[in-house]
Amino acid sequence: MPRYASAPFLAILHRSFDGETRQGFEEPVPQGLPLWHSILRVSEKIANGSNGDIAIDSYHRYQEDVKIMKDTGFNAYRFSISWTRILPRIEPFVTLFHWDSPQALEQLYGGFLSHLIVEFGDRVKNWITFNEPWSFSIGGYSSGFLAPGRCSSRENSGCTMGDSGREPYIVAHNQLLAHAAAVQEYKDRYQDQKGKIGITIVSNWIIPYSNSKKDQAATKRALDFMYGWFMDPLTKGDYPVSMRTLVGNRLPQFTEEQSKAVNGSFDFIGLNYYTARYAQNTKHNNNGNTSYNTDSLTNQTVAIAKLSRADWLAARRGSVDEVNNEHLSLQEALNDNTRIEFYWQHLFYIQRAIKGGVDLQGYFAWSLFDNFEWKDGYTVRFGINYIDYKDGLKRYPKRSSQWFHNFLHE
């Protein structure tokens, strides 16, 4: 019995992954081409001009990868819906939408610029409807650096279509409605399996750049435009007042029926977090050119590394990324003590949060393997297992993998 087995957050300790960055896009591609397939064909959009044709080839190596999970001691696995296999003795947590969709839907209907609800099956007990709808809305429709690459040309010269002042809000709104519809469908048809369904949102933590009242107000607005944008509808049925005031009629309205459907539409809410930032009050002179990036009237360009003392977010520190130095020897690349310290501190603060009364049911960590990391391609490594891209995608456990194994079996 692991020494922390009594703690809720270790009753299930998870590893997180999404389909596109693991499986690759090389044939066979089921159900037509995915939306990201076209983005990856434009080399300047991806670091080093790489693409995701192979990624780490979990499509063919799933048995090897499942064995690595089991040998390490993990008992749950979060992955996107494109993964169709049920993994033996690994509890699946399926994400229905992780930023990708069929290219045909984008071409025919405009993707999430249109209402589109898709029915799903009843073979998994743990469902996540959307992963980071904020990232998809902003990256895909405000800044244009994620698929489908839409934005105002003044925001990104690479965008040929889009409206950064309107489309992000439409897409976010439709994702919330799609989430609520999926949850209701699940409750109506599949609740007998006693499963759970929720959504994963993302937010930075924000603190004032100074003690001025203007910067304190800017901090509240910054959180409203990232965290509150999704959390308020999920828990209150409408968007934050600050968003209604500043965005005006560009922010869609919920009908009374829609508000009731979205409010409380979850068994759990996942929170992805990466970093913390200062917020400074500002007045943007955009000459009438509206954009989500300026609507909150805040400047958030300064990142924070210290503990913010916030009860909103219990764990501390940002993400870990080892330098992808191709000149390192394999043994040097496997020696990731910083990552071990990173996870140890996260688990320590998670345990402290639980003891303080936070209803935290699980922890997904990024990630099981190095992978194809969206627009960063292969230039960053987040995994506790090393992928040798130059030698047949061989898997090698890093020190952090052995640390997790020891931690889970003590």
Protein backbone atom coordinates (compact mmCIF):
# COMPACT_ATOMS: atom_id res chain seq x y z
CA MET A 1 0.00 0.00 0.00
CA PRO A 2 1.53 3.37 -0.99
CA ARG A 3 2.26 5.59 2.00
CA TYR A 4 -0.09 8.33 0.69
CA ALA A 5 -2.91 5.98 -0.35
CA SER A 6 -5.29 7.57 2.15
CA ALA A 7 -5.01 10.97 0.49
CA PRO A 8 -7.77 11.60 -2.10
CA PHE A 9 -5.35 13.07 -4.61
CA LEU A 10 -3.35 9.85 -4.66
CA ALA A 11 -6.27 7.46 -4.66
CA ILE A 12 -6.00 8.10 -8.38
CA LEU A 13 -2.81 9.70 -9.63
CA HIS A 14 -3.01 10.53 -13.28
CA ARG A 15 -0.91 11.11 -16.33
CA SER A 16 -2.32 13.41 -18.97
CA PHE A 17 -1.99 13.29 -22.76
CA ASP A 18 -3.90 14.30 -25.86
CA GLY A 19 -4.33 12.35 -29.08
CA GLU A 20 -2.69 14.56 -31.68
CA THR A 21 0.62 15.08 -29.87
CA ARG A 22 1.03 11.33 -29.23
CA GLN A 23 -0.45 9.35 -32.05
CA GLY A 24 0.62 11.36 -35.09
CA PHE A 25 -1.31 12.02 -38.28
CA GLU A 26 0.32 9.55 -40.65
CA GLU A 27 -2.02 7.12 -42.40
CA PRO A 28 -4.23 5.43 -41.49
CA VAL A 29 -6.16 8.52 -40.32
CA PRO A 30 -9.60 7.45 -39.01
CA GLN A 31 -12.75 9.46 -39.86
CA GLY A 32 -11.07 11.84 -42.29
CA LEU A 33 -8.40 14.46 -41.78
CA PRO A 34 -8.28 16.37 -38.48
CA LEU A 35 -8.26 20.16 -38.39
CA TRP A 36 -4.67 20.34 -37.14
CA HIS A 37 -3.51 18.29 -40.13
CA SER A 38 -3.77 21.35 -42.39
CA ILE A 39 -2.03 23.62 -39.87
CA LEU A 40 0.88 21.20 -39.54
CA ARG A 41 1.37 21.23 -43.29
CA VAL A 42 2.41 24.92 -43.08
CA SER A 43 6.00 24.62 -41.87
CA GLU A 44 6.40 28.21 -40.64
CA LYS A 45 3.59 27.70 -38.12
CA ILE A 46 5.54 24.98 -36.26
CA ALA A 47 8.92 25.38 -34.55
CA ASN A 48 11.82 24.02 -36.62
CA GLY A 49 9.42 23.32 -39.49
CA SER A 50 8.46 19.93 -38.02
CA ASN A 51 5.07 18.24 -38.35
CA GLY A 52 3.00 15.72 -36.45
CA ASP A 53 2.88 12.91 -39.00
CA ILE A 54 4.59 10.50 -36.62
CA ALA A 55 4.63 12.35 -33.26
CA ILE A 56 5.66 9.55 -30.85
CA ASP A 57 3.62 6.92 -32.71
CA SER A 58 1.42 5.78 -29.85
CA TYR A 59 -1.03 4.70 -32.56
CA HIS A 60 1.17 1.64 -33.09
CA ARG A 61 3.03 1.56 -29.74
CA TYR A 62 0.04 1.69 -27.40
CA GLN A 63 0.82 -1.70 -25.83
CA GLU A 64 4.36 -0.60 -24.98
CA ASP A 65 3.06 2.70 -23.60
CA VAL A 66 0.41 1.02 -21.45
CA LYS A 67 3.07 -1.26 -19.99
CA ILE A 68 5.16 1.80 -19.09
CA MET A 69 2.15 3.29 -17.28
CA LYS A 70 1.49 0.08 -15.37
CA ASP A 71 5.14 -0.46 -14.48
CA THR A 72 5.40 3.08 -13.13
CA GLY A 73 2.31 2.59 -10.99
CA PHE A 74 -0.24 4.99 -12.49
CA ASN A 75 -3.84 3.86 -12.36
CA ALA A 76 -5.58 6.46 -14.52
CA TYR A 77 -4.92 7.97 -17.92
CA ARG A 78 -6.38 11.09 -19.47
CA PHE A 79 -6.49 11.15 -23.26
CA SER A 80 -8.61 12.64 -26.03
CA ILE A 81 -11.47 10.87 -27.77
CA SER A 82 -9.46 9.98 -30.87
CA TRP A 83 -7.90 7.21 -28.76
CA THR A 84 -10.38 4.34 -29.15
CA ARG A 85 -8.78 1.61 -27.08
CA ILE A 86 -9.78 0.81 -23.51
CA LEU A 87 -6.56 0.33 -21.58
CA PRO A 88 -6.40 -2.70 -19.22
CA ARG A 89 -6.36 -1.81 -15.52
CA ILE A 90 -5.84 1.87 -16.35
CA GLU A 91 -8.91 3.99 -15.58
CA PRO A 92 -9.64 6.10 -18.68
CA PHE A 93 -10.48 9.80 -18.41
CA VAL A 94 -11.56 10.76 -21.93
CA THR A 95 -11.43 14.33 -23.22
CA LEU A 96 -13.99 14.83 -25.98
CA PHE A 97 -12.39 17.93 -27.48
CA HIS A 98 -8.73 18.92 -27.17
CA TRP A 99 -8.48 21.71 -29.77
CA ASP A 100 -8.91 19.50 -32.84
CA SER A 101 -11.88 18.53 -34.98
CA PRO A 102 -12.49 17.13 -38.48
CA GLN A 103 -11.26 19.49 -41.20
CA ALA A 104 -14.51 18.82 -43.08
CA LEU A 105 -16.59 20.31 -40.24
CA GLU A 106 -14.45 23.44 -40.27
CA GLN A 107 -14.88 23.84 -44.02
CA LEU A 108 -18.61 23.06 -44.13
CA TYR A 109 -19.87 24.70 -40.94
CA GLY A 110 -17.14 26.97 -39.59
CA GLY A 111 -16.36 24.70 -36.63
CA PHE A 112 -17.32 26.27 -33.31
CA LEU A 113 -18.49 29.43 -35.04
CA SER A 114 -21.63 27.33 -35.60
CA HIS A 115 -23.72 25.29 -33.17
CA LEU A 116 -22.72 21.65 -33.47
CA ILE A 117 -23.50 18.98 -30.90
CA VAL A 118 -22.06 15.51 -31.50
CA GLU A 119 -23.42 12.37 -29.82
CA PHE A 120 -20.90 10.14 -28.06
CA GLY A 121 -20.85 6.62 -26.69
CA ASP A 122 -21.31 5.06 -23.27
CA ARG A 123 -18.19 2.95 -22.72
CA VAL A 124 -16.11 5.25 -20.52
CA LYS A 125 -17.02 6.27 -16.98
CA ASN A 126 -15.03 9.50 -16.77
CA TRP A 127 -15.58 12.22 -19.35
CA ILE A 128 -14.10 15.67 -19.90
CA THR A 129 -16.10 17.56 -22.50
CA PHE A 130 -13.55 20.26 -23.38
CA ASN A 131 -9.92 20.88 -22.56
CA GLU A 132 -9.08 24.57 -22.08
CA PRO A 133 -11.87 26.21 -24.10
CA TRP A 134 -10.12 29.53 -23.38
CA SER A 135 -6.96 28.39 -25.19
CA PHE A 136 -8.92 27.21 -28.22
CA SER A 137 -10.99 30.40 -28.36
CA ILE A 138 -8.01 32.74 -28.01
CA GLY A 139 -5.34 30.74 -29.83
CA GLY A 140 -7.64 29.79 -32.69
CA TYR A 141 -9.73 32.94 -33.09
CA SER A 142 -7.99 35.93 -31.43
CA SER A 143 -4.23 35.45 -31.85
CA GLY A 144 -4.34 32.88 -34.64
CA PHE A 145 -1.46 30.68 -33.45
CA LEU A 146 -3.63 27.58 -32.96
CA ALA A 147 -5.91 25.84 -35.45
CA PRO A 148 -7.97 27.01 -37.28
CA GLY A 149 -5.70 30.07 -37.30
CA ARG A 150 -8.34 32.80 -37.49
CA CYS A 151 -7.85 36.37 -36.24
CA SER A 152 -7.83 40.00 -37.35
CA SER A 153 -4.85 40.66 -39.60
CA ARG A 154 -3.73 43.50 -37.31
CA GLU A 155 -3.22 40.91 -34.56
CA ASN A 156 -1.27 38.46 -36.73
CA SER A 157 -0.19 39.08 -40.30
CA GLY A 158 -0.51 35.36 -40.94
CA CYS A 159 -4.29 35.51 -40.49
CA THR A 160 -6.31 35.96 -43.66
CA MET A 161 -9.75 35.59 -42.06
CA GLY A 162 -11.29 36.30 -38.68
CA ASP A 163 -12.35 38.97 -36.19
CA SER A 164 -10.39 39.06 -32.91
CA GLY A 165 -13.03 41.27 -31.31
CA ARG A 166 -16.01 39.00 -31.92
CA GLU A 167 -15.15 35.44 -32.87
CA PRO A 168 -13.40 34.41 -29.60
CA TYR A 169 -16.57 35.24 -27.67
CA ILE A 170 -18.82 33.38 -30.13
CA VAL A 171 -16.60 30.30 -30.06
CA ALA A 172 -16.36 30.28 -26.25
CA HIS A 173 -20.13 30.70 -25.98
CA ASN A 174 -20.80 27.79 -28.33
CA GLN A 175 -18.32 25.59 -26.46
CA LEU A 176 -20.16 26.27 -23.20
CA LEU A 177 -23.49 25.42 -24.84
CA ALA A 178 -22.00 22.27 -26.39
CA HIS A 179 -20.59 21.29 -23.01
CA ALA A 180 -23.97 21.73 -21.31
CA ALA A 181 -25.73 19.73 -24.04
CA ALA A 182 -23.18 16.91 -23.80
CA VAL A 183 -23.56 16.78 -20.02
CA GLN A 184 -27.35 16.67 -20.27
CA GLU A 185 -27.14 13.94 -22.92
CA TYR A 186 -24.87 11.93 -20.65
CA LYS A 187 -27.15 12.39 -17.64
CA ASP A 188 -30.22 11.39 -19.64
CA ARG A 189 -28.79 8.33 -21.37
CA TYR A 190 -25.75 7.00 -19.54
CA GLN A 191 -26.02 7.97 -15.89
CA ASP A 192 -26.78 4.34 -14.98
CA GLN A 193 -23.10 3.52 -15.44
CA LYS A 194 -22.43 5.81 -12.44
CA GLY A 195 -19.79 7.79 -14.27
CA LYS A 196 -18.77 11.42 -13.97
CA ILE A 197 -18.57 14.21 -16.51
CA GLY A 198 -16.95 17.63 -16.29
CA ILE A 199 -14.83 20.20 -18.08
CA THR A 200 -11.22 21.37 -17.82
CA ILE A 201 -10.59 25.11 -17.85
CA VAL A 202 -7.32 27.03 -17.66
CA SER A 203 -6.22 30.19 -15.91
CA ASN A 204 -3.18 32.06 -14.75
CA TRP A 205 -3.15 33.52 -11.26
CA ILE A 206 -3.03 37.32 -11.31
CA ILE A 207 -1.85 39.80 -8.66
CA PRO A 208 -1.69 43.62 -8.83
CA TYR A 209 1.42 45.23 -10.32
CA SER A 210 1.18 47.87 -7.58
CA ASN A 211 -0.97 48.65 -4.55
CA SER A 212 -2.98 51.24 -6.47
CA LYS A 213 -6.75 50.81 -6.65
CA LYS A 214 -6.55 50.88 -10.45
CA ASP A 215 -4.14 47.94 -10.57
CA GLN A 216 -6.24 46.04 -8.03
CA ALA A 217 -9.30 46.56 -10.23
CA ALA A 218 -7.26 45.49 -13.27
CA THR A 219 -6.37 42.27 -11.47
CA LYS A 220 -10.05 41.46 -10.95
CA ARG A 221 -10.78 42.17 -14.61
CA ALA A 222 -7.87 40.02 -15.79
CA LEU A 223 -9.20 37.06 -13.80
CA ASP A 224 -12.73 37.71 -15.05
CA PHE A 225 -11.56 37.58 -18.67
CA MET A 226 -9.78 34.24 -18.25
CA TYR A 227 -11.07 32.33 -15.21
CA GLY A 228 -14.46 33.97 -14.78
CA TRP A 229 -15.24 33.82 -18.50
CA PHE A 230 -15.94 30.10 -18.05
CA MET A 231 -16.28 29.59 -14.29
CA ASP A 232 -19.02 32.19 -13.87
CA PRO A 233 -21.38 30.65 -16.45
CA LEU A 234 -20.67 27.19 -15.02
CA THR A 235 -21.47 28.27 -11.44
CA LYS A 236 -23.72 31.34 -11.88
CA GLY A 237 -25.26 31.02 -15.34
CA ASP A 238 -23.79 34.18 -16.90
CA TYR A 239 -20.55 35.97 -17.73
CA PRO A 240 -18.82 38.33 -15.26
CA VAL A 241 -20.24 41.85 -15.01
CA SER A 242 -16.91 43.34 -16.10
CA MET A 243 -17.06 41.39 -19.36
CA ARG A 244 -20.65 42.45 -20.00
CA THR A 245 -19.63 46.08 -19.42
CA LEU A 246 -16.44 46.15 -21.51
CA VAL A 247 -17.35 43.79 -24.35
CA GLY A 248 -20.95 44.94 -24.74
CA ASN A 249 -23.02 43.43 -27.52
CA ARG A 250 -20.03 41.50 -28.85
CA LEU A 251 -20.47 39.12 -25.90
CA PRO A 252 -23.31 36.66 -26.66
CA GLN A 253 -26.34 36.46 -24.40
CA PHE A 254 -27.63 33.30 -22.74
CA THR A 255 -31.33 32.65 -22.98
CA GLU A 256 -32.98 31.75 -19.69
CA GLU A 257 -33.06 28.11 -20.75
CA GLN A 258 -29.39 28.15 -21.79
CA SER A 259 -28.35 29.80 -18.53
CA LYS A 260 -30.06 27.08 -16.51
CA ALA A 261 -28.48 24.38 -18.68
CA VAL A 262 -24.92 25.71 -18.30
CA ASN A 263 -25.18 26.59 -14.60
CA GLY A 264 -24.07 23.55 -12.59
CA SER A 265 -23.41 21.39 -15.66
CA PHE A 266 -20.57 19.37 -14.16
CA ASP A 267 -19.66 16.64 -11.70
CA PHE A 268 -16.18 18.12 -11.46
CA ILE A 269 -14.15 21.01 -12.89
CA GLY A 270 -10.54 20.49 -13.86
CA LEU A 271 -8.13 23.41 -13.66
CA ASN A 272 -4.98 23.62 -15.76
CA TYR A 273 -2.49 26.19 -14.51
CA TYR A 274 0.88 27.23 -15.85
CA THR A 275 2.09 30.49 -14.37
CA ALA A 276 1.20 33.71 -12.55
CA ARG A 277 1.31 37.28 -13.82
CA TYR A 278 1.09 40.86 -12.68
CA ALA A 279 -1.83 42.96 -13.91
CA GLN A 280 -1.49 46.68 -14.56
CA ASN A 281 -4.34 49.02 -15.42
CA THR A 282 -4.11 50.47 -18.90
CA LYS A 283 -6.14 52.26 -21.54
CA HIS A 284 -5.69 50.78 -24.99
CA ASN A 285 -5.97 53.15 -27.92
CA ASN A 286 -7.10 50.68 -30.55
CA ASN A 287 -8.71 53.26 -32.85
CA GLY A 288 -11.96 51.35 -32.78
CA ASN A 289 -10.32 48.01 -33.63
CA THR A 290 -11.72 45.73 -30.95
CA SER A 291 -9.89 42.63 -29.75
CA TYR A 292 -10.13 40.22 -26.84
CA ASN A 293 -6.45 40.93 -26.22
CA THR A 294 -7.23 44.54 -25.24
CA ASP A 295 -10.84 44.34 -24.01
CA SER A 296 -9.94 43.81 -20.34
CA LEU A 297 -7.91 47.07 -20.24
CA THR A 298 -5.02 45.33 -18.50
CA ASN A 299 -1.33 44.82 -19.14
CA GLN A 300 -0.22 41.29 -18.13
CA THR A 301 3.24 41.09 -19.67
CA VAL A 302 5.20 40.45 -16.46
CA ALA A 303 5.33 36.85 -15.17
CA ILE A 304 5.73 35.94 -11.50
CA ALA A 305 7.77 33.12 -10.00
CA LYS A 306 7.08 33.57 -6.28
CA LEU A 307 4.26 32.11 -4.20
CA SER A 308 1.23 34.37 -4.53
CA ARG A 309 -0.47 33.34 -1.25
CA ALA A 310 -3.77 32.80 -3.04
CA ASP A 311 -6.46 30.49 -1.70
CA TRP A 312 -7.81 30.30 -5.29
CA LEU A 313 -4.84 28.22 -6.38
CA ALA A 314 -3.17 25.93 -3.89
CA ALA A 315 -0.11 24.62 -5.76
CA ARG A 316 2.79 26.82 -6.77
CA ARG A 317 5.44 27.39 -9.44
CA GLY A 318 5.13 27.24 -13.21
CA SER A 319 5.73 24.55 -15.77
CA VAL A 320 9.01 22.70 -16.27
CA ASP A 321 10.65 22.39 -19.65
CA GLU A 322 14.14 21.01 -20.02
CA VAL A 323 16.21 22.47 -22.83
CA ASN A 324 15.95 20.33 -25.93
CA ASN A 325 19.72 20.27 -26.34
CA GLU A 326 20.57 17.74 -29.04
CA HIS A 327 24.21 17.78 -27.92
CA LEU A 328 23.40 16.25 -24.52
CA SER A 329 24.24 12.61 -24.08
CA LEU A 330 21.34 10.28 -23.38
CA GLN A 331 22.38 9.91 -19.74
CA GLU A 332 22.49 13.69 -19.31
CA ALA A 333 19.04 14.05 -20.84
CA LEU A 334 17.61 11.44 -18.45
CA ASN A 335 18.88 13.27 -15.37
CA ASP A 336 15.91 15.59 -14.69
CA ASN A 337 16.22 16.48 -11.01
CA THR A 338 14.41 19.79 -11.57
CA ARG A 339 11.32 17.93 -12.72
CA ILE A 340 11.41 15.72 -9.62
CA GLU A 341 11.55 18.81 -7.40
CA PHE A 342 8.70 20.33 -9.42
CA TYR A 343 6.39 17.35 -8.90
CA TRP A 344 7.37 16.87 -5.27
CA GLN A 345 6.44 20.47 -4.48
CA HIS A 346 3.17 20.19 -6.37
CA LEU A 347 2.15 17.06 -4.49
CA PHE A 348 3.18 18.63 -1.18
CA TYR A 349 1.00 21.69 -1.73
CA ILE A 350 -1.86 19.62 -3.09
CA GLN A 351 -1.80 17.52 0.07
CA ARG A 352 -1.74 20.69 2.16
CA ALA A 353 -4.72 22.07 0.24
CA ILE A 354 -6.70 18.89 0.87
CA LYS A 355 -5.90 19.03 4.57
CA GLY A 356 -7.12 22.63 4.47
CA GLY A 357 -10.51 21.54 3.17
CA VAL A 358 -10.13 21.83 -0.62
CA ASP A 359 -12.27 19.19 -2.36
CA LEU A 360 -9.50 18.05 -4.70
CA GLN A 361 -10.20 14.64 -6.18
CA GLY A 362 -7.25 14.02 -8.50
CA TYR A 363 -4.13 15.34 -10.15
CA PHE A 364 -3.17 14.98 -13.81
CA ALA A 365 0.46 15.78 -14.61
CA TRP A 366 1.93 16.72 -18.00
CA SER A 367 3.24 14.41 -19.28
CA LEU A 368 3.98 10.70 -19.57
CA PHE A 369 6.26 11.10 -22.62
CA ASP A 370 8.06 13.80 -24.53
CA ASN A 371 5.81 14.52 -27.50
CA PHE A 372 4.90 16.73 -30.42
CA GLU A 373 3.86 19.86 -28.52
CA TRP A 374 1.46 21.68 -30.84
CA LYS A 375 3.09 24.75 -32.43
CA ASP A 376 6.35 24.08 -30.54
CA GLY A 377 6.77 20.79 -32.38
CA TYR A 378 9.61 18.70 -30.95
CA THR A 379 11.55 21.66 -29.51
CA VAL A 380 10.39 21.16 -25.90
CA ARG A 381 10.36 18.09 -23.65
CA PHE A 382 7.86 17.72 -20.81
CA GLY A 383 7.78 13.95 -20.32
CA ILE A 384 9.00 11.76 -17.49
CA ASN A 385 9.96 9.33 -20.26
CA TYR A 386 12.44 10.36 -22.94
CA ILE A 387 11.66 9.83 -26.63
CA ASP A 388 14.68 9.37 -28.89
CA TYR A 389 13.49 10.98 -32.12
CA LYS A 390 16.70 9.97 -33.90
CA ASP A 391 16.59 6.28 -33.04
CA GLY A 392 13.22 4.77 -33.81
CA LEU A 393 11.29 6.67 -31.11
CA LYS A 394 12.72 4.46 -28.36
CA ARG A 395 11.37 5.15 -24.88
CA TYR A 396 13.76 5.69 -21.95
CA PRO A 397 12.62 6.40 -18.37
CA LYS A 398 14.00 9.61 -16.91
CA ARG A 399 14.91 9.88 -13.24
CA SER A 400 11.50 11.45 -12.64
CA SER A 401 9.82 8.27 -13.90
CA GLN A 402 11.76 6.19 -11.39
CA TRP A 403 10.92 8.74 -8.69
CA PHE A 404 7.19 8.34 -9.40
CA HIS A 405 7.57 4.55 -9.34
CA ASN A 406 9.24 4.67 -5.92
CA PHE A 407 6.77 7.26 -4.63
CA LEU A 408 3.74 5.20 -5.63
CA HIS A 409 5.08 1.90 -4.29
CA GLU A 410 6.48 2.98 -0.91
